[in-house]
Amino acid sequence: MAKGHEAKHQLYDAASGKFFVRNGEWTRDQSQASSFSDVSALVQLCLRYGLKDAQLLIRTPGGRRIRVPICA
């Protein structure tokens, strides 16, 4: 992808319906959620917080949203 048009990733907890903000904090407001460009950082968060039902939420530059199980 061209610079400036990268997909944004967020961590979504399917069990609670909340999005990761920072430092173990969560919100139901997706606009307040932290965005990541590095998927490996999200995997590390899953391991750090022992998440079981977390999903990788991918937002493409075209606005498409894709959820993929990332921690099981």
C-alpha atoms as a PDB file:
ATOM      1  CA  MET A   1       0.000   0.000   0.000  1.00  0.00           C
ATOM      2  CA  ALA A   2       1.110   3.524  -0.601  1.00  0.00           C
ATOM      3  CA  LYS A   3       2.425   5.512   2.329  1.00  0.00           C
ATOM      4  CA  GLY A   4      -0.443   7.200   4.158  1.00  0.00           C
ATOM      5  CA  HIS A   5      -2.945   4.609   2.921  1.00  0.00           C
ATOM      6  CA  GLU A   6      -2.163   1.797   5.330  1.00  0.00           C
ATOM      7  CA  ALA A   7      -4.862  -0.301   6.931  1.00  0.00           C
ATOM      8  CA  LYS A   8      -5.548   0.484  10.588  1.00  0.00           C
ATOM      9  CA  HIS A   9      -5.906  -2.326  13.109  1.00  0.00           C
ATOM     10  CA  GLN A  10      -7.751  -2.382  16.404  1.00  0.00           C
ATOM     11  CA  LEU A  11      -8.173  -5.020  19.088  1.00  0.00           C
ATOM     12  CA  TYR A  12     -11.777  -6.006  19.788  1.00  0.00           C
ATOM     13  CA  ASP A  13     -12.873  -8.233  22.679  1.00  0.00           C
ATOM     14  CA  ALA A  14     -15.814 -10.254  21.369  1.00  0.00           C
ATOM     15  CA  ALA A  15     -16.804 -11.416  24.871  1.00  0.00           C
ATOM     16  CA  SER A  16     -17.291  -7.883  26.229  1.00  0.00           C
ATOM     17  CA  GLY A  17     -18.013  -6.009  22.994  1.00  0.00           C
ATOM     18  CA  LYS A  18     -15.255  -3.515  23.824  1.00  0.00           C
ATOM     19  CA  PHE A  19     -12.223  -2.121  22.022  1.00  0.00           C
ATOM     20  CA  PHE A  20      -8.726  -1.814  23.498  1.00  0.00           C
ATOM     21  CA  VAL A  21      -7.676   1.720  24.397  1.00  0.00           C
ATOM     22  CA  ARG A  22      -4.374   1.451  26.304  1.00  0.00           C
ATOM     23  CA  ASN A  23      -2.793  -0.050  29.428  1.00  0.00           C
ATOM     24  CA  GLY A  24      -5.524  -2.660  29.810  1.00  0.00           C
ATOM     25  CA  GLU A  25      -8.328  -0.126  29.436  1.00  0.00           C
ATOM     26  CA  TRP A  26     -11.311  -0.860  27.176  1.00  0.00           C
ATOM     27  CA  THR A  27     -14.167   1.134  25.665  1.00  0.00           C
ATOM     28  CA  ARG A  28     -17.387   0.440  23.774  1.00  0.00           C
ATOM     29  CA  ASP A  29     -16.715   3.567  21.693  1.00  0.00           C
ATOM     30  CA  GLN A  30     -14.714   2.450  18.676  1.00  0.00           C
ATOM     31  CA  SER A  31     -13.636   6.017  17.918  1.00  0.00           C
ATOM     32  CA  GLN A  32     -11.758   6.073  21.265  1.00  0.00           C
ATOM     33  CA  ALA A  33      -9.913   2.792  20.570  1.00  0.00           C
ATOM     34  CA  SER A  34      -6.184   2.695  19.891  1.00  0.00           C
ATOM     35  CA  SER A  35      -5.151   1.986  16.299  1.00  0.00           C
ATOM     36  CA  PHE A  36      -2.106  -0.055  15.380  1.00  0.00           C
ATOM     37  CA  SER A  37      -0.260  -0.614  12.117  1.00  0.00           C
ATOM     38  CA  ASP A  38       1.725  -3.573  13.494  1.00  0.00           C
ATOM     39  CA  VAL A  39      -0.308  -6.772  13.944  1.00  0.00           C
ATOM     40  CA  SER A  40       2.423  -8.338  16.085  1.00  0.00           C
ATOM     41  CA  ALA A  41       1.793  -5.643  18.730  1.00  0.00           C
ATOM     42  CA  LEU A  42      -1.807  -6.847  18.958  1.00  0.00           C
ATOM     43  CA  VAL A  43      -0.708 -10.450  19.427  1.00  0.00           C
ATOM     44  CA  GLN A  44       1.576  -9.300  22.247  1.00  0.00           C
ATOM     45  CA  LEU A  45      -1.368  -7.519  23.905  1.00  0.00           C
ATOM     46  CA  CYS A  46      -3.389 -10.736  23.757  1.00  0.00           C
ATOM     47  CA  LEU A  47      -0.597 -12.610  25.482  1.00  0.00           C
ATOM     48  CA  ARG A  48       0.048  -9.872  28.059  1.00  0.00           C
ATOM     49  CA  TYR A  49      -3.600  -9.627  29.137  1.00  0.00           C
ATOM     50  CA  GLY A  50      -4.518 -13.298  28.659  1.00  0.00           C
ATOM     51  CA  LEU A  51      -7.296 -12.514  26.187  1.00  0.00           C
ATOM     52  CA  LYS A  52      -9.346 -15.442  24.892  1.00  0.00           C
ATOM     53  CA  ASP A  53     -11.991 -14.000  22.547  1.00  0.00           C
ATOM     54  CA  ALA A  54     -10.089 -11.088  21.024  1.00  0.00           C
ATOM     55  CA  GLN A  55     -10.387 -10.241  17.369  1.00  0.00           C
ATOM     56  CA  LEU A  56      -8.233  -8.236  15.018  1.00  0.00           C
ATOM     57  CA  LEU A  57     -10.377  -5.505  13.509  1.00  0.00           C
ATOM     58  CA  ILE A  58      -8.944  -4.326  10.202  1.00  0.00           C
ATOM     59  CA  ARG A  59     -10.135  -1.056   8.686  1.00  0.00           C
ATOM     60  CA  THR A  60      -9.017  -0.727   5.086  1.00  0.00           C
ATOM     61  CA  PRO A  61      -8.364   2.642   3.439  1.00  0.00           C
ATOM     62  CA  GLY A  62     -11.601   2.091   1.489  1.00  0.00           C
ATOM     63  CA  GLY A  63     -13.575   1.860   4.732  1.00  0.00           C
ATOM     64  CA  ARG A  64     -14.114  -1.892   4.771  1.00  0.00           C
ATOM     65  CA  ARG A  65     -14.073  -3.527   8.228  1.00  0.00           C
ATOM     66  CA  ILE A  66     -12.906  -7.097   8.682  1.00  0.00           C
ATOM     67  CA  ARG A  67     -12.831  -9.035  11.980  1.00  0.00           C
ATOM     68  CA  VAL A  68     -10.427 -11.952  12.349  1.00  0.00           C
ATOM     69  CA  PRO A  69     -10.008 -14.097  15.483  1.00  0.00           C
ATOM     70  CA  ILE A  70      -6.535 -13.415  16.827  1.00  0.00           C
ATOM     71  CA  CYS A  71      -6.516 -14.891  20.355  1.00  0.00           C
ATOM     72  CA  ALA A  72      -8.218 -18.138  21.251  1.00  0.00           C
END
